[in-house]
């Protein structure tokens, strides 16, 4: 049985529901949550209201097969007002499975700061005013020690001070260093006075045909550890992308002014690995080991009293807080990342905001009066740390505004033409060309993860544009990812989990699907998402490219606005068919 646990933080009411029928229909994870969210999310619903739900879910293969290691969250985004969806690794999916919770739904607002404790069948809201104001890192450390007596797999999910301040770019941190990033889930938790969730249990997955399962498991595991693609992530992590992207002018630099960063090699995956890498770790039940932890020293007392700190790094963080701010020293970059980690901001969003603020300062749109005397310059790590400190202490109105996102700031202070965001969501770390930008615009999450446009740009590098062929390929990728996201798998394993293998796995755990029916489910989920998005205000016809991106060179040259519009229009037509399918299905 697939079980949903629903908790109302206002009344303390706890309900259980058998949702096996929804899992059978929409696979699990993102598909199930999209169906459930469609019943509750409306344009009028305030993301911070007590009625606004937060959903977490796992997929039917989590705990059964390697790299099925993610958890998905759905909510109404306070940043965009649109559908919010985010995926995180760590131990959460195994902990949920061990607690026999396949979907966790949270509504209401606690009367004081609490953390939600779920240990098997025992559920409690535990007051935690002493944790309010603590960093995301300190909160995890305290709760891990306090809840150390628990048996089985345990996961700690929490917000930092940014979420408490209701910053719409606040993320949620999971276990040692994973995140529900993008679109402001941290603020939604903060609005409910929910500082953290600690979940654990001791249930074990059950398999009927153990021999067939073991043979399939062993084959997949072997493919994962021997794959060239997963080796890349294990060796250097996604930071391996930094230098190759810079070489093809696809690495955003100084607020997307250019794609070539002259110091890419000093913040590259290779540099980190040679000089600062402390360890590689994995999410629970994943053999890839893509999480890379860097180490740096911090002086806390003169003349030579240091503490040594570890923080995770990857391509997106290196882009947003590195090349996009022209930070050339890896040690300085780690300090900035660590500060962002402690506060609990989404690293991409806060990096894009800092880049916009720097350009706005240099163009005279903001002055020393707003910045309280700080002169913003690309490459100045020391000043960026002071800016982050000023945001954290809410020094003045300008600093309070900075953590509301780049679209908000640009609308208030000017500079919308160089505010690099799509549907108010700050852009990821690829300026490879039209497919990347169109992907950010049309994707369900406005992320590079929706349809991997950057990879199609690289495929078409040096070739003539074929608009319809490229857009169709992106669309098909987006539709297939409805399945991978409903399985809630790590996308680094997508090369191993082909449709044929996915079907084999699903059939082992009791599904009875073929390729045609799986494809139909994927298109239905895709259509459902756009029906929700349009209900919340999303409109393909209103999508625009930030004007600055029409003037800069990408990996494929300059972007053309007509081409952008044409691509968006073609994509929207493809989505229409999925919406019709979804309407018939639900």
Protein backbone atom coordinates (compact mmCIF):
# COMPACT_ATOMS: atom_id res chain seq x y z
CA UNK A 1 0.00 0.00 0.00
CA UNK A 2 1.20 3.49 -0.82
CA UNK A 3 0.47 5.75 2.14
CA UNK A 4 0.05 9.50 2.44
CA UNK A 5 0.58 11.08 5.85
CA UNK A 6 -1.12 14.46 6.16
CA UNK A 7 -0.23 16.76 9.05
CA UNK A 8 -1.97 20.03 9.99
CA UNK A 9 0.45 22.14 12.01
CA UNK A 10 -2.36 24.47 13.15
CA UNK A 11 -4.64 21.86 14.70
CA UNK A 12 -2.18 19.02 15.22
CA UNK A 13 -4.51 16.75 13.27
CA UNK A 14 -2.84 13.78 11.57
CA UNK A 15 -4.49 11.75 8.83
CA UNK A 16 -3.46 8.71 6.81
CA UNK A 17 -4.72 7.87 3.35
CA UNK A 18 -4.23 4.94 1.03
CA UNK A 19 -3.17 6.45 -2.32
CA UNK A 20 -2.18 3.24 -4.07
CA UNK A 21 -4.63 4.00 -6.88
CA UNK A 22 -2.90 7.33 -7.60
CA UNK A 23 0.52 5.66 -7.62
CA UNK A 24 -0.69 3.05 -10.08
CA UNK A 25 -2.05 5.77 -12.34
CA UNK A 26 0.80 8.30 -12.18
CA UNK A 27 3.81 6.11 -11.19
CA UNK A 28 4.81 8.06 -8.05
CA UNK A 29 6.88 11.11 -7.08
CA UNK A 30 6.32 14.11 -9.31
CA UNK A 31 3.41 12.52 -11.18
CA UNK A 32 1.45 11.72 -8.02
CA UNK A 33 2.16 15.12 -6.46
CA UNK A 34 1.12 16.94 -9.62
CA UNK A 35 -2.24 15.18 -9.47
CA UNK A 36 -2.65 15.94 -5.75
CA UNK A 37 -1.52 19.56 -6.07
CA UNK A 38 -4.01 20.15 -8.87
CA UNK A 39 -6.79 19.75 -6.29
CA UNK A 40 -5.38 22.44 -3.99
CA UNK A 41 -3.29 25.07 -5.78
CA UNK A 42 -5.17 28.11 -7.06
CA UNK A 43 -4.11 31.52 -8.32
CA UNK A 44 -5.66 33.13 -5.24
CA UNK A 45 -3.84 30.90 -2.75
CA UNK A 46 -1.12 32.78 -0.87
CA UNK A 47 2.00 30.55 -0.74
CA UNK A 48 2.41 31.64 2.89
CA UNK A 49 -1.18 30.97 3.96
CA UNK A 50 -2.00 28.17 6.38
CA UNK A 51 -3.93 26.41 3.59
CA UNK A 52 -0.92 26.28 1.28
CA UNK A 53 0.36 22.69 1.21
CA UNK A 54 3.89 21.35 1.08
CA UNK A 55 4.18 17.90 -0.44
CA UNK A 56 7.12 15.52 -0.29
CA UNK A 57 7.09 12.20 -2.16
CA UNK A 58 9.21 9.30 -3.25
CA UNK A 59 8.82 6.95 -6.16
CA UNK A 60 8.01 3.24 -6.37
CA UNK A 61 11.64 2.24 -6.93
CA UNK A 62 13.20 4.24 -4.09
CA UNK A 63 14.91 1.85 -1.76
CA UNK A 64 14.74 -0.98 -4.27
CA UNK A 65 17.23 0.03 -6.96
CA UNK A 66 20.50 1.99 -6.90
CA UNK A 67 20.45 5.74 -7.58
CA UNK A 68 16.70 5.86 -7.01
CA UNK A 69 17.78 8.22 -4.29
CA UNK A 70 15.89 11.49 -4.58
CA UNK A 71 12.82 12.98 -2.92
CA UNK A 72 10.57 15.48 -4.70
CA UNK A 73 8.77 18.46 -3.14
CA UNK A 74 5.80 20.33 -4.64
CA UNK A 75 4.42 23.65 -3.41
CA UNK A 76 3.27 27.04 -4.65
CA UNK A 77 6.37 29.13 -5.24
CA UNK A 78 6.56 32.43 -3.32
CA UNK A 79 9.18 33.58 -5.85
CA UNK A 80 7.13 33.12 -9.00
CA UNK A 81 3.56 32.42 -7.85
CA UNK A 82 3.83 29.42 -10.16
CA UNK A 83 4.11 25.70 -9.51
CA UNK A 84 7.12 25.00 -7.30
CA UNK A 85 8.95 21.72 -7.69
CA UNK A 86 12.32 20.73 -6.33
CA UNK A 87 14.28 17.49 -5.93
CA UNK A 88 16.86 16.59 -3.28
CA UNK A 89 19.13 13.67 -2.51
CA UNK A 90 20.54 12.68 0.85
CA UNK A 91 18.84 10.06 3.02
CA UNK A 92 15.30 11.43 2.96
CA UNK A 93 13.77 9.00 0.48
CA UNK A 94 15.09 5.97 2.34
CA UNK A 95 13.96 7.44 5.67
CA UNK A 96 10.46 8.08 4.30
CA UNK A 97 10.29 4.55 2.94
CA UNK A 98 11.49 3.18 6.29
CA UNK A 99 8.70 5.15 8.00
CA UNK A 100 6.20 3.78 5.46
CA UNK A 101 5.44 7.32 4.27
CA UNK A 102 5.29 7.61 0.49
CA UNK A 103 3.76 11.08 0.44
CA UNK A 104 4.05 13.62 3.24
CA UNK A 105 1.61 16.53 3.11
CA UNK A 106 2.00 19.47 5.49
CA UNK A 107 -0.47 22.34 5.93
CA UNK A 108 -1.25 24.82 8.69
CA UNK A 109 1.03 26.95 10.82
CA UNK A 110 2.44 26.06 14.21
CA UNK A 111 1.87 28.62 16.97
CA UNK A 112 5.60 28.66 17.70
CA UNK A 113 8.74 27.32 16.00
CA UNK A 114 8.64 23.55 15.88
CA UNK A 115 10.33 20.64 14.24
CA UNK A 116 8.29 17.76 12.98
CA UNK A 117 9.37 14.39 14.32
CA UNK A 118 8.31 11.26 12.43
CA UNK A 119 9.69 7.99 13.75
CA UNK A 120 7.74 5.13 12.21
CA UNK A 121 4.17 5.54 13.44
CA UNK A 122 5.11 8.14 16.05
CA UNK A 123 4.48 11.72 14.90
CA UNK A 124 5.05 14.79 17.05
CA UNK A 125 5.51 18.53 16.74
CA UNK A 126 8.34 19.49 19.04
CA UNK A 127 8.82 23.14 20.09
CA UNK A 128 12.26 24.40 19.12
CA UNK A 129 12.48 28.15 19.74
CA UNK A 130 16.13 27.67 20.63
CA UNK A 131 16.82 26.56 17.04
CA UNK A 132 15.11 29.61 15.48
CA UNK A 133 17.87 31.84 14.14
CA UNK A 134 20.37 29.00 13.96
CA UNK A 135 22.13 28.30 10.70
CA UNK A 136 21.12 25.36 8.53
CA UNK A 137 24.40 23.66 9.46
CA UNK A 138 24.09 24.20 13.22
CA UNK A 139 20.48 23.02 13.20
CA UNK A 140 21.45 19.72 11.59
CA UNK A 141 24.30 19.22 14.06
CA UNK A 142 22.06 19.83 17.09
CA UNK A 143 19.19 17.66 15.87
CA UNK A 144 21.52 14.83 14.85
CA UNK A 145 22.89 14.68 18.38
CA UNK A 146 19.47 15.04 20.02
CA UNK A 147 17.85 12.33 17.87
CA UNK A 148 20.86 10.01 17.81
CA UNK A 149 18.99 7.31 19.77
CA UNK A 150 16.71 6.48 16.83
CA UNK A 151 17.07 3.20 14.99
CA UNK A 152 17.08 2.82 11.23
CA UNK A 153 17.71 5.36 8.50
CA UNK A 154 17.30 8.95 9.68
CA UNK A 155 17.05 12.15 7.65
CA UNK A 156 17.17 15.75 8.85
CA UNK A 157 15.53 18.39 6.67
CA UNK A 158 15.73 22.04 7.79
CA UNK A 159 15.81 25.70 6.89
CA UNK A 160 18.34 28.39 7.70
CA UNK A 161 17.66 31.99 8.80
CA UNK A 162 16.79 32.98 5.21
CA UNK A 163 13.73 30.71 5.33
CA UNK A 164 12.72 32.17 8.68
CA UNK A 165 12.85 35.67 7.13
CA UNK A 166 10.55 34.35 4.36
CA UNK A 167 13.08 35.04 1.64
CA UNK A 168 11.48 33.68 -1.55
CA UNK A 169 14.91 32.45 -2.65
CA UNK A 170 15.41 30.37 0.51
CA UNK A 171 16.10 26.67 0.07
CA UNK A 172 15.70 23.62 2.31
CA UNK A 173 18.81 21.69 3.28
CA UNK A 174 18.76 17.91 3.54
CA UNK A 175 21.23 15.94 5.65
CA UNK A 176 24.87 16.87 5.16
CA UNK A 177 24.75 18.89 1.96
CA UNK A 178 21.76 18.24 -0.32
CA UNK A 179 19.06 20.79 -1.05
CA UNK A 180 15.53 21.39 -2.17
CA UNK A 181 16.75 24.44 -4.07
CA UNK A 182 15.03 26.92 -6.38
CA UNK A 183 11.64 28.57 -6.07
CA UNK A 184 11.55 29.21 -2.31
CA UNK A 185 10.48 26.09 -0.45
CA UNK A 186 12.54 27.33 2.53
CA UNK A 187 10.30 30.37 2.88
CA UNK A 188 7.15 28.24 2.72
CA UNK A 189 8.48 26.11 5.59
CA UNK A 190 9.40 29.29 7.47
CA UNK A 191 5.88 30.66 7.03
CA UNK A 192 4.60 27.59 8.87
CA UNK A 193 7.05 28.06 11.76
CA UNK A 194 8.49 24.73 10.67
CA UNK A 195 12.23 24.77 11.30
CA UNK A 196 12.95 21.15 10.50
CA UNK A 197 11.68 17.65 9.85
CA UNK A 198 13.37 14.62 11.34
CA UNK A 199 12.11 11.40 9.81
CA UNK A 200 13.13 7.80 10.42
CA UNK A 201 11.74 4.27 10.53
CA UNK A 202 12.65 0.61 10.34
CA UNK A 203 10.40 -0.81 7.62
CA UNK A 204 12.19 -2.85 4.92
CA UNK A 205 11.17 -3.14 1.25
CA UNK A 206 9.52 -6.47 0.40
CA UNK A 207 10.17 -8.37 -2.80
CA UNK A 208 8.24 -11.42 -4.03
CA UNK A 209 10.51 -12.73 -6.79
CA UNK A 210 13.85 -12.28 -5.07
CA UNK A 211 15.94 -14.15 -7.66
CA UNK A 212 14.73 -12.05 -10.61
CA UNK A 213 15.04 -8.88 -8.55
CA UNK A 214 18.61 -9.64 -7.49
CA UNK A 215 19.73 -10.39 -11.05
CA UNK A 216 18.23 -7.12 -12.28
CA UNK A 217 19.69 -5.17 -9.36
CA UNK A 218 23.18 -6.58 -9.93
CA UNK A 219 23.06 -5.74 -13.64
CA UNK A 220 22.02 -2.14 -13.00
CA UNK A 221 24.56 -1.67 -10.22
CA UNK A 222 27.35 -2.97 -12.45
CA UNK A 223 26.34 -0.66 -15.28
CA UNK A 224 26.26 2.32 -12.93
CA UNK A 225 29.72 1.81 -11.50
CA UNK A 226 31.27 0.99 -14.90
CA UNK A 227 29.58 3.77 -16.85
CA UNK A 228 31.82 6.48 -18.34
CA UNK A 229 29.17 9.07 -17.54
CA UNK A 230 28.97 8.24 -13.85
CA UNK A 231 32.79 8.11 -13.60
CA UNK A 232 32.88 11.78 -14.56
CA UNK A 233 30.58 12.68 -11.68
CA UNK A 234 32.52 10.49 -9.23
CA UNK A 235 35.92 11.87 -10.21
CA UNK A 236 35.44 15.64 -10.48
CA UNK A 237 31.71 16.02 -9.97
CA UNK A 238 29.69 18.45 -12.06
CA UNK A 239 32.57 20.89 -11.57
CA UNK A 240 34.12 18.97 -14.48
CA UNK A 241 31.92 21.15 -16.70
CA UNK A 242 33.56 24.47 -15.79
CA UNK A 243 36.56 24.52 -18.14
CA UNK A 244 34.84 22.83 -21.13
CA UNK A 245 31.97 25.32 -20.94
CA UNK A 246 34.33 28.27 -20.75
CA UNK A 247 36.21 27.00 -23.80
CA UNK A 248 32.99 27.06 -25.85
CA UNK A 249 31.89 30.42 -24.37
CA UNK A 250 29.07 28.80 -22.42
CA UNK A 251 30.08 29.66 -18.84
CA UNK A 252 28.17 32.74 -17.60
CA UNK A 253 30.69 35.36 -16.53
CA UNK A 254 30.15 38.75 -14.87
CA UNK A 255 26.37 38.70 -14.98
CA UNK A 256 26.16 36.89 -18.33
CA UNK A 257 28.33 39.47 -20.09
CA UNK A 258 30.31 36.70 -21.77
CA UNK A 259 30.65 32.93 -21.78
CA UNK A 260 34.43 32.80 -21.43
CA UNK A 261 35.96 33.14 -17.97
CA UNK A 262 39.67 33.85 -18.11
CA UNK A 263 40.22 32.25 -14.67
CA UNK A 264 38.08 29.16 -15.21
CA UNK A 265 41.04 26.88 -14.56
CA UNK A 266 41.52 28.25 -11.00
CA UNK A 267 37.92 27.43 -9.99
CA UNK A 268 37.64 24.25 -12.05
CA UNK A 269 36.85 20.75 -10.91
CA UNK A 270 40.48 19.86 -11.58
CA UNK A 271 41.78 22.66 -9.35
CA UNK A 272 39.41 21.78 -6.52
CA UNK A 273 40.33 18.10 -6.76
CA UNK A 274 44.07 18.80 -6.71
CA UNK A 275 44.08 21.40 -3.92
CA UNK A 276 40.89 21.53 -1.84
CA UNK A 277 38.94 18.28 -2.16
CA UNK A 278 38.42 16.65 1.26
CA UNK A 279 36.11 13.77 0.33
CA UNK A 280 33.47 12.45 -2.08
CA UNK A 281 30.23 11.21 -0.60
CA UNK A 282 27.01 9.69 -1.89
CA UNK A 283 23.33 9.96 -1.28
CA UNK A 284 21.91 6.89 0.43
CA UNK A 285 21.71 3.90 -1.92
CA UNK A 286 23.67 5.52 -4.75
CA UNK A 287 27.03 4.20 -5.98
CA UNK A 288 27.94 7.30 -7.99
CA UNK A 289 29.47 9.46 -5.25
CA UNK A 290 29.02 12.83 -6.95
CA UNK A 291 29.01 15.03 -3.82
CA UNK A 292 32.36 16.78 -3.51
CA UNK A 293 33.37 18.44 -0.26
CA UNK A 294 36.02 21.15 -0.29
CA UNK A 295 37.99 22.27 2.73
CA UNK A 296 39.23 25.73 3.71
CA UNK A 297 40.68 27.48 6.74
CA UNK A 298 39.16 30.44 8.50
CA UNK A 299 41.04 32.68 10.92
CA UNK A 300 39.10 33.19 14.16
CA UNK A 301 41.80 34.77 16.33
CA UNK A 302 45.10 36.45 15.62
CA UNK A 303 47.75 35.59 14.85
CA UNK A 304 47.40 31.94 13.83
CA UNK A 305 44.21 30.46 15.31
CA UNK A 306 42.30 28.72 12.50
CA UNK A 307 39.28 26.50 12.19
CA UNK A 308 38.93 24.12 9.26
CA UNK A 309 35.58 24.00 7.48
CA UNK A 310 34.09 21.74 4.83
CA UNK A 311 31.48 22.67 2.29
CA UNK A 312 30.15 21.06 -0.87
CA UNK A 313 30.72 22.55 -4.30
CA UNK A 314 29.46 21.80 -7.79
CA UNK A 315 29.13 23.42 -11.19
CA UNK A 316 26.08 25.54 -10.40
CA UNK A 317 27.66 27.02 -7.28
CA UNK A 318 30.96 27.63 -9.06
CA UNK A 319 29.10 29.47 -11.82
CA UNK A 320 26.69 31.52 -9.71
CA UNK A 321 29.09 32.55 -6.95
CA UNK A 322 32.28 32.18 -8.98
CA UNK A 323 32.51 33.05 -12.67
CA UNK A 324 29.31 35.09 -12.67
CA UNK A 325 30.87 37.29 -9.95
CA UNK A 326 34.38 36.97 -11.48
CA UNK A 327 35.75 35.27 -8.35
CA UNK A 328 39.03 33.71 -9.46
CA UNK A 329 40.30 32.10 -6.25
CA UNK A 330 38.76 28.77 -5.25
CA UNK A 331 39.48 29.35 -1.54
CA UNK A 332 37.50 32.63 -1.60
CA UNK A 333 34.72 30.95 -3.52
CA UNK A 334 34.40 28.24 -0.85
CA UNK A 335 34.03 30.92 1.84
CA UNK A 336 31.18 32.55 -0.08
CA UNK A 337 29.51 29.18 -0.69
CA UNK A 338 29.81 28.33 3.01
CA UNK A 339 28.15 31.60 4.05
CA UNK A 340 25.28 30.99 1.63
CA UNK A 341 24.96 27.43 2.95
CA UNK A 342 24.68 28.62 6.54
CA UNK A 343 21.98 31.16 5.72
CA UNK A 344 20.03 28.71 3.56
CA UNK A 345 19.69 30.70 0.35
CA UNK A 346 19.43 29.00 -3.00
CA UNK A 347 22.97 29.45 -4.31
CA UNK A 348 22.01 30.08 -7.93
CA UNK A 349 19.44 32.71 -7.02
CA UNK A 350 21.58 34.67 -4.57
CA UNK A 351 24.52 34.59 -7.00
CA UNK A 352 22.42 36.02 -9.83
CA UNK A 353 21.12 38.71 -7.46
CA UNK A 354 24.68 39.70 -6.48
CA UNK A 355 25.69 39.86 -10.15
CA UNK A 356 22.71 42.07 -10.98
CA UNK A 357 23.46 44.33 -8.00
CA UNK A 358 27.06 44.74 -9.15
CA UNK A 359 26.05 45.74 -12.66
CA UNK A 360 23.31 48.02 -11.30
CA UNK A 361 25.89 49.72 -9.06
CA UNK A 362 28.34 50.18 -11.90
CA UNK A 363 25.60 51.68 -14.08
CA UNK A 364 24.59 54.07 -11.30
CA UNK A 365 21.13 52.62 -10.67
CA UNK A 366 22.07 52.01 -7.07
CA UNK A 367 24.58 54.06 -5.11
CA UNK A 368 26.68 54.01 -1.97
CA UNK A 369 23.59 55.22 -0.14
CA UNK A 370 21.78 51.94 -0.81
CA UNK A 371 24.86 49.79 -0.25
CA UNK A 372 25.77 51.54 3.02
CA UNK A 373 29.14 52.55 1.65
CA UNK A 374 30.16 49.35 -0.11
CA UNK A 375 31.44 49.71 -3.68
CA UNK A 376 30.43 46.63 -5.65
CA UNK A 377 32.97 45.30 -8.13
CA UNK A 378 33.18 41.99 -9.94
CA UNK A 379 35.96 39.87 -8.45
CA UNK A 380 35.84 41.47 -5.00
CA UNK A 381 35.15 38.47 -2.72
CA UNK A 382 35.70 40.41 0.50
CA UNK A 383 32.98 42.92 -0.39
CA UNK A 384 30.58 40.18 -1.51
CA UNK A 385 30.94 38.55 1.92
CA UNK A 386 30.10 41.90 3.53
CA UNK A 387 27.06 42.23 1.26
CA UNK A 388 25.87 38.78 2.32
CA UNK A 389 26.37 39.71 5.97
CA UNK A 390 24.32 42.87 5.44
CA UNK A 391 21.52 40.86 3.86
CA UNK A 392 21.60 38.40 6.76
CA UNK A 393 21.26 41.17 9.39
CA UNK A 394 18.72 43.08 7.23
CA UNK A 395 20.89 46.18 7.48
CA UNK A 396 18.61 48.43 5.44
CA UNK A 397 15.78 48.32 2.93
CA UNK A 398 18.09 47.63 -0.01
CA UNK A 399 19.66 44.63 1.67
CA UNK A 400 16.25 43.33 2.69
CA UNK A 401 15.20 43.60 -0.95
CA UNK A 402 18.20 41.67 -2.27
CA UNK A 403 16.91 38.40 -0.83
CA UNK A 404 13.56 38.83 -2.57
CA UNK A 405 15.01 37.77 -5.90
CA UNK A 406 16.41 39.51 -8.96
CA UNK A 407 13.05 40.17 -10.65
CA UNK A 408 11.77 42.03 -7.58
CA UNK A 409 14.97 44.08 -7.26
CA UNK A 410 15.11 45.00 -10.95
CA UNK A 411 11.49 46.10 -10.97
CA UNK A 412 12.08 48.35 -7.95
CA UNK A 413 15.54 49.76 -8.71
CA UNK A 414 15.76 49.36 -12.50
CA UNK A 415 17.93 47.19 -14.70
CA UNK A 416 15.29 44.69 -15.79
CA UNK A 417 17.14 44.31 -19.10
CA UNK A 418 20.11 42.74 -17.29
CA UNK A 419 18.18 40.85 -14.59
CA UNK A 420 18.90 37.33 -15.79
CA UNK A 421 15.77 35.39 -14.88
CA UNK A 422 13.04 33.42 -16.58
CA UNK A 423 9.50 33.67 -15.23
CA UNK A 424 11.17 35.40 -12.22
CA UNK A 425 13.42 32.38 -11.57
CA UNK A 426 17.14 33.15 -11.66
CA UNK A 427 18.98 31.46 -14.56
CA UNK A 428 21.16 28.33 -14.21
CA UNK A 429 24.80 28.16 -15.28
CA UNK A 430 24.75 27.67 -19.02
CA UNK A 431 24.80 30.29 -21.78
CA UNK A 432 25.30 27.82 -24.57
CA UNK A 433 22.66 29.28 -26.89
CA UNK A 434 19.00 29.23 -27.88
CA UNK A 435 18.11 25.78 -26.61
CA UNK A 436 19.37 26.57 -23.11
CA UNK A 437 17.50 29.88 -22.94
CA UNK A 438 14.30 28.50 -24.44
CA UNK A 439 14.50 25.56 -22.05
CA UNK A 440 14.69 27.90 -19.06
CA UNK A 441 11.68 29.82 -20.39
CA UNK A 442 9.33 26.97 -21.25
CA UNK A 443 10.32 24.30 -18.72
CA UNK A 444 7.91 23.34 -15.98
CA UNK A 445 10.42 24.45 -13.33
CA UNK A 446 12.25 27.02 -15.51
CA UNK A 447 15.39 25.02 -14.87
CA UNK A 448 18.14 23.49 -16.99
CA UNK A 449 16.91 20.17 -15.59
CA UNK A 450 13.54 20.32 -17.36
CA UNK A 451 14.63 19.54 -20.91
CA UNK A 452 18.44 19.86 -20.93
CA UNK A 453 18.51 22.57 -23.60
CA UNK A 454 22.21 23.19 -22.93
CA UNK A 455 23.05 19.67 -24.11
CA UNK A 456 21.21 20.22 -27.41
CA UNK A 457 23.10 23.47 -27.94
CA UNK A 458 26.35 21.53 -27.58
CA UNK A 459 25.08 18.87 -29.95
CA UNK A 460 24.33 21.53 -32.58
CA UNK A 461 27.52 23.50 -31.98
CA UNK A 462 28.86 24.76 -35.31
CA UNK A 463 25.81 23.51 -37.20
CA UNK A 464 22.98 25.47 -38.74
CA UNK A 465 19.88 25.94 -36.62
CA UNK A 466 17.07 23.48 -37.12
CA UNK A 467 14.43 25.07 -34.94
CA UNK A 468 11.67 22.48 -35.14
CA UNK A 469 14.03 19.51 -34.81
CA UNK A 470 15.80 21.03 -31.79
CA UNK A 471 12.59 22.04 -30.02
CA UNK A 472 11.01 18.66 -30.67
CA UNK A 473 14.05 16.93 -29.18
CA UNK A 474 13.88 19.15 -26.08
CA UNK A 475 10.18 18.48 -25.74
CA UNK A 476 10.68 14.71 -25.95
CA UNK A 477 13.40 14.91 -23.31
CA UNK A 478 11.07 16.92 -21.06
CA UNK A 479 8.31 14.35 -21.47
CA UNK A 480 10.62 11.44 -20.61
CA UNK A 481 11.76 13.32 -17.52
CA UNK A 482 8.17 13.17 -16.30
CA UNK A 483 8.92 9.48 -15.75
CA UNK A 484 12.39 9.90 -14.24
CA UNK A 485 10.97 12.59 -11.93
CA UNK A 486 8.06 10.36 -10.96
CA UNK A 487 10.53 7.62 -10.14
CA UNK A 488 12.46 10.36 -8.32
CA UNK A 489 15.76 9.04 -9.57
CA UNK A 490 19.11 10.77 -9.77
CA UNK A 491 19.41 12.19 -13.29
CA UNK A 492 23.09 11.21 -13.36
CA UNK A 493 21.86 7.62 -13.70
CA UNK A 494 19.54 8.36 -16.63
CA UNK A 495 21.89 6.79 -19.15
CA UNK A 496 21.51 3.42 -17.40
CA UNK A 497 17.79 3.61 -16.71
CA UNK A 498 16.52 3.38 -20.27
CA UNK A 499 12.77 2.97 -20.87
CA UNK A 500 13.29 -0.79 -21.20
CA UNK A 501 15.15 -1.01 -17.88
CA UNK A 502 12.63 1.24 -16.14
CA UNK A 503 9.82 -1.07 -17.25
CA UNK A 504 11.72 -4.11 -15.97
CA UNK A 505 12.12 -2.42 -12.58
CA UNK A 506 8.51 -1.29 -12.38
CA UNK A 507 7.25 -4.75 -13.21
CA UNK A 508 9.38 -6.21 -10.39
CA UNK A 509 7.57 -3.99 -7.84
CA UNK A 510 4.11 -4.81 -9.13
CA UNK A 511 3.36 -2.44 -11.99
CA UNK A 512 2.06 -3.84 -15.26
CA UNK A 513 3.13 -1.38 -17.93
CA UNK A 514 4.49 -1.50 -21.46
CA UNK A 515 6.34 1.20 -23.41
CA UNK A 516 3.17 2.61 -24.93
CA UNK A 517 1.36 2.96 -21.60
CA UNK A 518 4.47 4.43 -19.96
CA UNK A 519 4.69 7.02 -22.73
CA UNK A 520 1.04 7.87 -22.28
CA UNK A 521 1.54 8.44 -18.53
CA UNK A 522 4.52 10.70 -19.26
CA UNK A 523 2.53 12.90 -21.67
CA UNK A 524 -0.39 13.02 -19.22
CA UNK A 525 1.79 14.23 -16.34
CA UNK A 526 3.43 16.78 -18.64
CA UNK A 527 0.01 18.08 -19.65
CA UNK A 528 -1.20 18.22 -16.03
CA UNK A 529 1.73 20.39 -15.04
CA UNK A 530 0.99 23.00 -17.70
CA UNK A 531 -2.71 23.00 -16.82
CA UNK A 532 -1.73 23.87 -13.23
CA UNK A 533 0.85 26.42 -14.36
CA UNK A 534 -1.63 28.22 -16.59
CA UNK A 535 -4.20 28.19 -13.80
CA UNK A 536 -1.59 29.95 -11.65
CA UNK A 537 -0.85 32.57 -14.31
CA UNK A 538 1.85 31.11 -16.56
CA UNK A 539 1.42 32.10 -20.21
CA UNK A 540 3.67 31.02 -23.11
CA UNK A 541 2.72 34.20 -24.99
CA UNK A 542 4.20 36.39 -22.26
CA UNK A 543 7.62 34.73 -22.15
CA UNK A 544 10.51 37.05 -22.91
CA UNK A 545 14.25 36.79 -23.08
CA UNK A 546 16.18 39.21 -20.83
CA UNK A 547 17.30 41.88 -23.29
CA UNK A 548 20.95 41.59 -22.32
CA UNK A 549 21.00 38.03 -23.64
CA UNK A 550 20.22 39.37 -27.13
CA UNK A 551 23.47 41.34 -27.13
CA UNK A 552 26.02 38.81 -25.86
CA UNK A 553 27.82 35.96 -27.58
CA UNK A 554 26.85 32.47 -26.52
CA UNK A 555 28.43 29.19 -27.61
CA UNK A 556 26.25 29.39 -30.71
CA UNK A 557 26.64 33.09 -31.34
CA UNK A 558 24.15 35.86 -30.70
CA UNK A 559 20.57 35.01 -29.83
CA UNK A 560 17.82 36.22 -32.10
CA UNK A 561 14.51 37.36 -30.54
CA UNK A 562 12.45 36.08 -33.46
CA UNK A 563 14.06 32.67 -33.12
CA UNK A 564 13.30 32.69 -29.39
CA UNK A 565 9.63 33.52 -30.02
CA UNK A 566 9.36 30.92 -32.77
CA UNK A 567 10.82 28.21 -30.56
CA UNK A 568 8.53 29.07 -27.66
CA UNK A 569 5.48 29.05 -29.93
CA UNK A 570 6.40 25.65 -31.35
CA UNK A 571 6.96 24.22 -27.89
CA UNK A 572 3.59 25.53 -26.69
CA UNK A 573 1.84 23.78 -29.59
CA UNK A 574 3.43 20.49 -28.61
CA UNK A 575 2.26 20.98 -25.03
CA UNK A 576 -1.34 21.51 -26.19
CA UNK A 577 -1.62 17.85 -27.14
CA UNK A 578 -0.47 16.80 -23.67
CA UNK A 579 -2.96 19.11 -21.97
CA UNK A 580 -5.79 17.55 -23.96
CA UNK A 581 -4.59 14.09 -22.96
CA UNK A 582 -4.39 15.16 -19.30
CA UNK A 583 -7.90 16.57 -19.34
CA UNK A 584 -9.23 13.28 -20.69
CA UNK A 585 -7.22 11.25 -18.15
CA UNK A 586 -8.24 13.10 -15.01
